[in-house]
Amino acid sequence: MAVAVIPAIAAVAVPVYRGHISTSRDSAVVNAMTTMAIFQEDLRLRTGAYGSGGYDAKTGDTSLTDAIGWRPTADDGTVYVVTAKGATSWRVTATTDSGRALCRVSPAREPCP
């Protein structure tokens, strides 16, 4: 009987665990984008415009770090691309190493695609 119960529990537990891991990774990316907003606002106050660029540790693209001074706290394989419209708004798209894309627009005047 116990032999039959263990696979049934595993069949339920493994997908739930993977869901928690995915949610945790998404939260880390959202936290990085929230931190990025502080750097963007600081740049806008100092220069009058938001910055654009990218960050991809695999390709060595650190143009976002050069533009606004931001870099992720951990290299988890996420690629960040920021586009700015002068001093009016900016958008960041973060694509995780699993291919999931998350987006943030600030100020939130338009939806993310």
Protein backbone atom coordinates (compact mmCIF):
# COMPACT_ATOMS: atom_id res chain seq x y z
CA MET A 1 0.00 0.00 0.00
CA ALA A 2 2.76 2.45 0.89
CA VAL A 3 4.42 1.73 -2.42
CA ALA A 4 1.32 2.96 -4.26
CA VAL A 5 0.90 6.07 -2.09
CA ILE A 6 4.41 7.45 -2.61
CA PRO A 7 4.11 7.85 -6.43
CA ALA A 8 0.70 9.47 -5.99
CA ILE A 9 2.10 12.00 -3.53
CA ALA A 10 5.07 12.66 -5.80
CA ALA A 11 2.77 13.19 -8.77
CA VAL A 12 1.09 16.04 -6.89
CA ALA A 13 4.09 17.42 -4.99
CA VAL A 14 6.54 17.82 -7.88
CA PRO A 15 4.36 20.16 -10.01
CA VAL A 16 3.47 22.21 -6.91
CA TYR A 17 7.16 22.51 -6.03
CA ARG A 18 8.04 23.60 -9.58
CA GLY A 19 5.29 26.22 -9.40
CA HIS A 20 6.76 27.61 -6.18
CA ILE A 21 10.22 27.76 -7.74
CA SER A 22 8.86 29.60 -10.80
CA THR A 23 6.98 32.09 -8.61
CA SER A 24 10.11 32.68 -6.54
CA ARG A 25 12.20 33.36 -9.64
CA ASP A 26 9.56 35.76 -11.01
CA SER A 27 9.56 37.60 -7.67
CA ALA A 28 13.34 38.03 -7.84
CA VAL A 29 13.06 39.51 -11.35
CA VAL A 30 10.25 41.88 -10.29
CA ASN A 31 12.38 42.94 -7.33
CA ALA A 32 15.28 43.69 -9.70
CA MET A 33 13.00 45.78 -11.92
CA THR A 34 11.71 47.69 -8.88
CA THR A 35 15.27 48.47 -7.85
CA MET A 36 15.98 49.58 -11.42
CA ALA A 37 13.20 52.18 -11.07
CA ILE A 38 15.16 53.91 -8.31
CA PHE A 39 18.20 54.18 -10.57
CA GLN A 40 16.03 55.49 -13.42
CA GLU A 41 14.46 58.20 -11.27
CA ASP A 42 17.86 59.23 -9.96
CA LEU A 43 19.17 59.53 -13.52
CA ARG A 44 16.13 61.55 -14.61
CA LEU A 45 16.59 63.96 -11.70
CA ARG A 46 20.29 64.41 -12.53
CA THR A 47 20.11 64.56 -16.34
CA GLY A 48 16.49 65.23 -17.27
CA ALA A 49 15.99 61.91 -19.06
CA TYR A 50 15.66 58.20 -18.41
CA GLY A 51 18.34 55.79 -19.62
CA SER A 52 18.19 52.94 -22.13
CA GLY A 53 20.31 49.86 -22.54
CA GLY A 54 20.56 46.18 -21.89
CA TYR A 55 22.07 43.72 -19.48
CA ASP A 56 23.00 40.20 -20.54
CA ALA A 57 25.82 38.48 -18.67
CA LYS A 58 26.11 35.76 -21.33
CA THR A 59 26.92 38.17 -24.16
CA GLY A 60 28.71 40.74 -22.01
CA ASP A 61 26.15 43.47 -22.76
CA THR A 62 26.32 45.84 -19.79
CA SER A 63 25.10 48.98 -21.58
CA LEU A 64 22.34 49.36 -18.97
CA THR A 65 24.94 49.49 -16.21
CA ASP A 66 26.82 52.14 -18.18
CA ALA A 67 23.62 54.15 -18.79
CA ILE A 68 21.99 54.15 -15.35
CA GLY A 69 24.47 52.48 -13.00
CA TRP A 70 22.22 49.47 -12.32
CA ARG A 71 23.22 45.83 -12.37
CA PRO A 72 21.41 42.78 -11.03
CA THR A 73 22.45 41.50 -7.63
CA ALA A 74 22.73 37.94 -8.97
CA ASP A 75 23.45 36.52 -12.39
CA ASP A 76 20.54 34.15 -12.85
CA GLY A 77 20.60 34.26 -16.66
CA THR A 78 17.88 36.91 -16.97
CA VAL A 79 18.29 39.37 -19.86
CA TYR A 80 17.07 42.94 -19.28
CA VAL A 81 16.28 45.41 -22.07
CA VAL A 82 15.28 48.98 -21.26
CA THR A 83 13.90 51.53 -23.70
CA ALA A 84 13.25 55.11 -22.66
CA LYS A 85 11.19 57.95 -24.08
CA GLY A 86 13.26 60.89 -22.89
CA ALA A 87 11.95 62.15 -19.56
CA THR A 88 8.40 60.86 -20.01
CA SER A 89 8.56 57.08 -19.56
CA TRP A 90 10.68 53.95 -19.74
CA ARG A 91 9.99 50.24 -20.20
CA VAL A 92 11.97 47.22 -19.09
CA THR A 93 11.47 43.71 -20.43
CA ALA A 94 13.17 40.93 -18.51
CA THR A 95 13.44 37.52 -20.15
CA THR A 96 14.40 34.68 -17.85
CA ASP A 97 16.64 31.82 -18.92
CA SER A 98 13.50 29.65 -19.21
CA GLY A 99 12.07 32.10 -21.79
CA ARG A 100 9.45 33.75 -19.57
CA ALA A 101 9.15 37.50 -20.24
CA LEU A 102 8.15 40.04 -17.61
CA CYS A 103 7.56 43.72 -18.33
CA ARG A 104 7.28 46.96 -16.40
CA VAL A 105 6.43 50.44 -17.66
CA SER A 106 7.05 53.50 -15.56
CA PRO A 107 5.12 55.63 -15.06
CA ALA A 108 2.34 53.14 -15.70
CA ARG A 109 0.55 55.07 -18.43
CA GLU A 110 0.53 52.28 -20.97
CA PRO A 111 0.28 48.52 -20.65
CA CYS A 112 3.16 46.16 -21.25
CA PRO A 113 2.85 44.19 -24.45
